[in-house]
C-alpha cells in the first residue's frame, strides 16, 4: 500500500510539472503588478511559505480566470516536507486550492501524508490602491491519509477544518523609498504540526485563535526579502509544539514564475528540538 501511494504522489507531481512547463509560455494577466499574486504557502493558498495572505493567486483581473501550480520542499534537521499544490482563481475574487503534503520522519524511517482543500474569498479593500488593506477570508479542509502515528500520540481526529481572515497591504513608496508589504492573519485551528499529526489532543480539543504575520521589503521590483511568523496550538501532551518562523527571499522574474527560498525555524517537532533548515518553492502562474 505504501508503494502505491508513493507512485500516486510521483504521478501527481509529474502532471503538475508538465502543466508548469505549459505555463511558462502562457500569457499572464497584464493589469496587476508583478508579485501581487504572492507565492504558494505549504497548504496551497496564496501568500508566503508559512502564512496565507489576503492576496488571490495568479494575476487575474475582474474579468479573468487563472491559477498556479507549485512544488515545494522544507528540510529541517530530522524531517522533510514535500508539497505539491495547485490553485484556481476567478475574477481576482475567489481562490480554490488543493495541496498534497508528504512528511518524511527521517529519524523514524516512516512518513505522514495529508491532503488540503481550500477556498479563499476577497471580502474588501485592495492590496495596492486606497487606504484600506485587502481583506480575505478562507477555509481549509485537511485530511490525514496515514493516521496510525497521529492516533498513537494522542490525536483526536484524522480530519478537520480551519478558518482564517487575512489582511494584506502594499506601500509602493514606503520607508527608504522602497515598496513594502505587511500581512496579518488570524486562524481558528486545532491542528497538530500543521495537521500532519492530526487534530486536537489530550491537552486541548477545541479550535483556538492563532496569530500569523508577515512583512516584506522589495529590494527590486522582482526581488523581495522578509519575515514570517506563525503561532501554533499546543494540544498534545507527549511533546511541546512551538511556533514557526522564516526569513525568505522571493524572486519574480516574470508573472509566470516565482521562486522562494527561506531559512526555517520550526522549533520542537514531536520531541525533536531546534528543528531548523531551509525551504524552497517553485511556482508557475497562468
Protein backbone atom coordinates (compact mmCIF):
# COMPACT_ATOMS: atom_id res chain seq x y z
CA UNK A 1 0.00 0.00 0.00
CA UNK A 2 2.80 2.40 0.84
CA UNK A 3 4.43 1.88 -2.55
CA UNK A 4 1.18 2.56 -4.41
CA UNK A 5 0.71 5.82 -2.54
CA UNK A 6 4.24 6.88 -3.38
CA UNK A 7 3.66 6.13 -7.06
CA UNK A 8 0.47 8.19 -6.98
CA UNK A 9 2.32 11.16 -5.49
CA UNK A 10 5.02 10.94 -8.16
CA UNK A 11 2.40 10.79 -10.91
CA UNK A 12 0.65 13.85 -9.50
CA UNK A 13 3.96 15.70 -9.29
CA UNK A 14 4.85 14.77 -12.87
CA UNK A 15 1.48 16.05 -14.07
CA UNK A 16 1.94 19.38 -12.31
CA UNK A 17 5.45 19.75 -13.68
CA UNK A 18 4.02 19.27 -17.16
CA UNK A 19 1.41 21.94 -16.53
CA UNK A 20 4.17 24.20 -15.18
CA UNK A 21 6.07 23.86 -18.44
CA UNK A 22 2.98 24.93 -20.37
CA UNK A 23 2.50 27.87 -18.04
CA UNK A 24 5.99 29.12 -18.83
CA UNK A 25 4.74 30.03 -22.29
CA UNK A 26 1.28 31.14 -21.16
CA UNK A 27 0.24 34.79 -21.04
CA UNK A 28 -0.40 36.14 -17.53
CA UNK A 29 -2.85 38.96 -16.96
CA UNK A 30 -1.24 42.34 -17.67
CA UNK A 31 -3.20 44.54 -15.28
CA UNK A 32 -1.93 43.56 -11.83
CA UNK A 33 1.55 44.48 -10.68
CA UNK A 34 4.33 41.91 -10.55
CA UNK A 35 4.33 39.79 -7.33
CA UNK A 36 0.81 40.85 -6.27
CA UNK A 37 -0.33 37.23 -6.56
CA UNK A 38 2.18 36.19 -3.92
CA UNK A 39 3.70 32.71 -3.80
CA UNK A 40 2.20 29.39 -2.66
CA UNK A 41 2.31 28.51 1.03
CA UNK A 42 2.73 24.98 2.39
CA UNK A 43 -1.05 24.49 2.46
CA UNK A 44 -1.65 25.52 -1.16
CA UNK A 45 -3.05 29.01 -0.56
CA UNK A 46 -1.53 32.19 -1.98
CA UNK A 47 0.78 34.03 0.39
CA UNK A 48 4.24 33.32 1.76
CA UNK A 49 5.76 29.98 2.63
CA UNK A 50 4.23 29.63 6.10
CA UNK A 51 1.29 32.03 6.10
CA UNK A 52 -1.73 32.52 3.81
CA UNK A 53 -2.06 36.18 2.84
CA UNK A 54 -5.12 38.10 1.66
CA UNK A 55 -3.85 38.03 -1.95
CA UNK A 56 -5.58 35.90 -4.60
CA UNK A 57 -3.31 33.53 -6.55
CA UNK A 58 -2.21 34.33 -10.08
CA UNK A 59 -2.73 37.69 -11.78
CA UNK A 60 -6.40 37.63 -12.72
CA UNK A 61 -8.34 40.86 -13.11
CA UNK A 62 -12.06 41.34 -12.55
CA UNK A 63 -12.99 39.65 -15.85
CA UNK A 64 -10.40 36.85 -15.91
CA UNK A 65 -9.60 33.37 -14.62
CA UNK A 66 -6.19 31.91 -13.84
CA UNK A 67 -4.22 29.92 -11.32
CA UNK A 68 -0.93 28.39 -10.25
CA UNK A 69 0.90 25.10 -9.85
CA UNK A 70 3.82 24.64 -7.45
CA UNK A 71 6.33 22.25 -5.94
CA UNK A 72 7.86 22.98 -2.51
CA UNK A 73 10.26 21.37 -0.07
CA UNK A 74 11.01 22.15 3.57
CA UNK A 75 14.05 20.36 5.04
CA UNK A 76 14.98 20.63 8.71
CA UNK A 77 17.33 18.56 10.86
CA UNK A 78 15.18 15.45 11.31
CA UNK A 79 12.24 15.94 8.93
CA UNK A 80 11.41 16.73 5.31
CA UNK A 81 8.13 18.07 3.93
CA UNK A 82 7.32 17.86 0.19
CA UNK A 83 4.26 19.71 -1.10
CA UNK A 84 2.57 19.56 -4.50
CA UNK A 85 -0.14 22.20 -4.94
CA UNK A 86 -2.41 23.88 -7.47
CA UNK A 87 -4.86 26.77 -7.32
CA UNK A 88 -7.57 28.28 -9.49
CA UNK A 89 -8.54 31.95 -9.26
CA UNK A 90 -11.67 33.65 -10.56
CA UNK A 91 -12.06 37.39 -11.20
CA UNK A 92 -9.48 38.25 -8.51
CA UNK A 93 -12.24 37.44 -6.05
CA UNK A 94 -12.22 33.66 -5.44
CA UNK A 95 -9.33 31.25 -4.99
CA UNK A 96 -9.69 27.46 -4.89
CA UNK A 97 -6.65 25.39 -3.91
CA UNK A 98 -5.54 21.81 -3.40
CA UNK A 99 -2.31 20.52 -1.87
CA UNK A 100 -0.77 17.17 -1.04
CA UNK A 101 1.82 17.04 1.72
CA UNK A 102 4.27 14.19 2.31
CA UNK A 103 6.11 14.47 5.64
CA UNK A 104 9.18 12.26 5.92
CA UNK A 105 10.18 11.41 9.51
CA UNK A 106 13.78 10.62 8.70
CA UNK A 107 14.66 9.76 12.31
CA UNK A 108 11.84 7.16 12.47
CA UNK A 109 12.01 5.78 8.94
CA UNK A 110 8.35 6.49 8.14
CA UNK A 111 6.19 9.19 6.58
CA UNK A 112 2.89 11.02 7.07
CA UNK A 113 0.60 12.29 4.32
CA UNK A 114 -2.11 14.96 4.24
CA UNK A 115 -4.47 16.42 1.61
CA UNK A 116 -5.69 20.01 1.93
CA UNK A 117 -8.58 21.66 0.09
CA UNK A 118 -9.02 25.41 0.39
CA UNK A 119 -11.23 28.28 -0.67
CA UNK A 120 -10.48 31.98 -0.20
CA UNK A 121 -12.73 34.98 -0.88
CA UNK A 122 -11.59 38.59 -1.19
CA UNK A 123 -14.03 40.44 1.04
CA UNK A 124 -12.98 44.06 0.66
CA UNK A 125 -10.17 46.51 0.00
CA UNK A 126 -7.24 46.49 -2.39
CA UNK A 127 -3.68 45.31 -1.95
CA UNK A 128 -2.09 48.36 -3.56
CA UNK A 129 -4.61 51.17 -4.06
CA UNK A 130 -6.58 53.08 -1.45
CA UNK A 131 -6.17 53.30 2.31
CA UNK A 132 -7.96 50.07 3.20
CA UNK A 133 -5.93 46.85 3.09
CA UNK A 134 -7.13 43.86 1.10
CA UNK A 135 -9.11 41.60 3.40
CA UNK A 136 -9.85 37.97 2.56
CA UNK A 137 -11.49 35.08 4.40
CA UNK A 138 -10.59 31.45 3.84
CA UNK A 139 -11.46 27.92 4.87
CA UNK A 140 -9.19 24.87 4.71
CA UNK A 141 -10.24 21.23 5.00
CA UNK A 142 -7.40 18.88 5.96
CA UNK A 143 -7.37 15.09 5.83
CA UNK A 144 -4.66 12.67 7.00
CA UNK A 145 -4.03 9.75 4.65
CA UNK A 146 -1.99 7.86 7.25
CA UNK A 147 -3.32 8.18 10.78
CA UNK A 148 -1.67 5.38 12.76
CA UNK A 149 1.12 7.54 14.25
CA UNK A 150 -1.02 10.64 15.00
CA UNK A 151 -3.58 8.44 16.76
CA UNK A 152 -0.81 6.75 18.75
CA UNK A 153 0.48 10.07 20.15
CA UNK A 154 -2.97 11.27 21.22
CA UNK A 155 -4.60 12.98 18.23
CA UNK A 156 -8.41 13.01 18.44
CA UNK A 157 -9.32 13.00 14.71
CA UNK A 158 -7.80 12.47 11.29
CA UNK A 159 -9.52 15.40 9.52
CA UNK A 160 -10.71 18.88 10.38
CA UNK A 161 -11.44 22.36 9.05
CA UNK A 162 -9.67 25.66 9.70
CA UNK A 163 -10.93 29.17 9.11
CA UNK A 164 -8.87 32.34 8.76
CA UNK A 165 -9.12 36.04 7.99
CA UNK A 166 -6.14 37.83 6.44
CA UNK A 167 -5.39 41.50 5.79
CA UNK A 168 -2.57 42.50 3.40
CA UNK A 169 -1.27 45.87 2.25
CA UNK A 170 1.48 47.08 -0.09
CA UNK A 171 3.02 50.55 0.09
CA UNK A 172 4.72 51.43 -3.20
CA UNK A 173 6.69 54.36 -1.76
CA UNK A 174 7.43 53.24 1.78
CA UNK A 175 10.43 53.90 4.04
CA UNK A 176 13.79 54.23 2.23
CA UNK A 177 11.78 54.82 -0.96
CA UNK A 178 11.10 51.09 -1.25
CA UNK A 179 7.98 49.01 -1.73
CA UNK A 180 6.85 47.29 1.49
CA UNK A 181 4.28 44.62 2.27
CA UNK A 182 2.61 43.68 5.54
CA UNK A 183 0.14 40.91 6.33
CA UNK A 184 -1.74 39.81 9.45
CA UNK A 185 -3.73 36.56 9.56
CA UNK A 186 -5.91 35.20 12.36
CA UNK A 187 -6.64 31.45 12.14
CA UNK A 188 -9.04 29.20 14.08
CA UNK A 189 -7.34 25.80 14.32
CA UNK A 190 -6.66 22.75 16.47
CA UNK A 191 -4.13 21.21 14.08
CA UNK A 192 -1.08 19.42 15.44
CA UNK A 193 2.05 20.34 13.46
CA UNK A 194 0.01 21.94 10.66
CA UNK A 195 -2.35 18.90 10.77
CA UNK A 196 0.29 16.32 9.92
CA UNK A 197 -0.14 14.85 13.43
CA UNK A 198 -3.91 15.05 13.29
CA UNK A 199 -6.21 17.45 15.10
CA UNK A 200 -6.92 18.03 18.77
CA UNK A 201 -5.33 16.13 21.62
CA UNK A 202 -5.31 15.19 25.28
CA UNK A 203 -4.45 18.76 26.38
CA UNK A 204 -6.90 20.62 24.14
CA UNK A 205 -9.55 19.54 21.65
CA UNK A 206 -11.07 22.90 20.70
CA UNK A 207 -10.35 25.40 17.94
CA UNK A 208 -8.15 28.23 19.16
CA UNK A 209 -7.32 31.57 17.54
CA UNK A 210 -3.70 31.81 16.41
CA UNK A 211 -1.88 34.87 15.07
CA UNK A 212 0.22 34.80 11.91
CA UNK A 213 2.13 37.69 10.37
CA UNK A 214 4.46 38.58 7.50
CA UNK A 215 6.40 41.60 6.34
CA UNK A 216 8.45 42.12 3.21
CA UNK A 217 10.73 44.68 1.57
CA UNK A 218 11.27 44.84 -2.20
CA UNK A 219 14.93 45.37 -3.00
CA UNK A 220 13.95 45.44 -6.67
CA UNK A 221 10.55 45.22 -8.35
CA UNK A 222 11.17 41.47 -8.80
CA UNK A 223 13.06 40.63 -5.56
CA UNK A 224 11.67 40.75 -2.02
CA UNK A 225 13.06 39.78 1.36
CA UNK A 226 11.05 39.37 4.52
CA UNK A 227 9.99 37.52 7.64
CA UNK A 228 7.03 35.31 8.54
CA UNK A 229 5.78 34.18 11.95
CA UNK A 230 3.11 31.62 12.74
CA UNK A 231 1.63 30.66 16.09
CA UNK A 232 0.60 27.03 16.56
CA UNK A 233 -1.58 25.41 19.25
CA UNK A 234 -0.11 23.00 21.80
CA UNK A 235 -2.64 20.16 22.00
CA UNK A 236 -0.60 17.01 22.62
CA UNK A 237 0.86 16.06 25.98
CA UNK A 238 3.64 13.84 24.67
CA UNK A 239 5.65 16.77 23.23
CA UNK A 240 5.51 20.56 23.21
CA UNK A 241 4.67 22.28 19.92
CA UNK A 242 6.41 25.58 19.27
CA UNK A 243 5.72 28.47 16.92
CA UNK A 244 7.32 28.68 13.47
CA UNK A 245 9.19 31.45 11.69
CA UNK A 246 11.05 32.01 8.44
CA UNK A 247 13.30 34.56 6.75
CA UNK A 248 12.69 34.48 3.00
CA UNK A 249 13.91 35.73 -0.36
CA UNK A 250 11.37 35.73 -3.21
CA UNK A 251 12.23 36.24 -6.88
CA UNK A 252 9.60 37.01 -9.51
CA UNK A 253 11.43 37.00 -12.87
CA UNK A 254 8.07 37.30 -14.65
CA UNK A 255 4.36 36.95 -13.95
CA UNK A 256 4.64 33.30 -14.95
CA UNK A 257 7.29 32.22 -12.44
CA UNK A 258 8.07 32.70 -8.74
CA UNK A 259 10.93 31.18 -6.78
CA UNK A 260 11.11 31.38 -2.98
CA UNK A 261 13.95 30.35 -0.68
CA UNK A 262 13.87 30.67 3.10
CA UNK A 263 15.62 29.88 6.35
CA UNK A 264 13.20 27.98 8.62
CA UNK A 265 12.99 27.68 12.40
CA UNK A 266 10.17 25.28 13.33
CA UNK A 267 11.20 24.82 16.95
CA UNK A 268 10.40 21.46 18.52
CA UNK A 269 8.64 18.83 16.38
CA UNK A 270 7.39 15.62 18.01
CA UNK A 271 10.03 15.83 20.72
CA UNK A 272 12.95 16.68 18.41
CA UNK A 273 14.21 20.12 19.44
CA UNK A 274 15.70 23.01 17.46
CA UNK A 275 14.45 21.98 14.02
CA UNK A 276 15.98 24.48 11.61
CA UNK A 277 16.70 24.26 7.90
CA UNK A 278 15.63 25.57 4.51
CA UNK A 279 12.53 25.98 2.37
CA UNK A 280 12.38 26.11 -1.44
CA UNK A 281 9.35 26.61 -3.67
CA UNK A 282 8.86 26.91 -7.42
CA UNK A 283 5.56 28.30 -8.72
CA UNK A 284 4.18 28.74 -12.24
CA UNK A 285 1.24 31.10 -12.83
CA UNK A 286 -1.16 31.31 -15.74
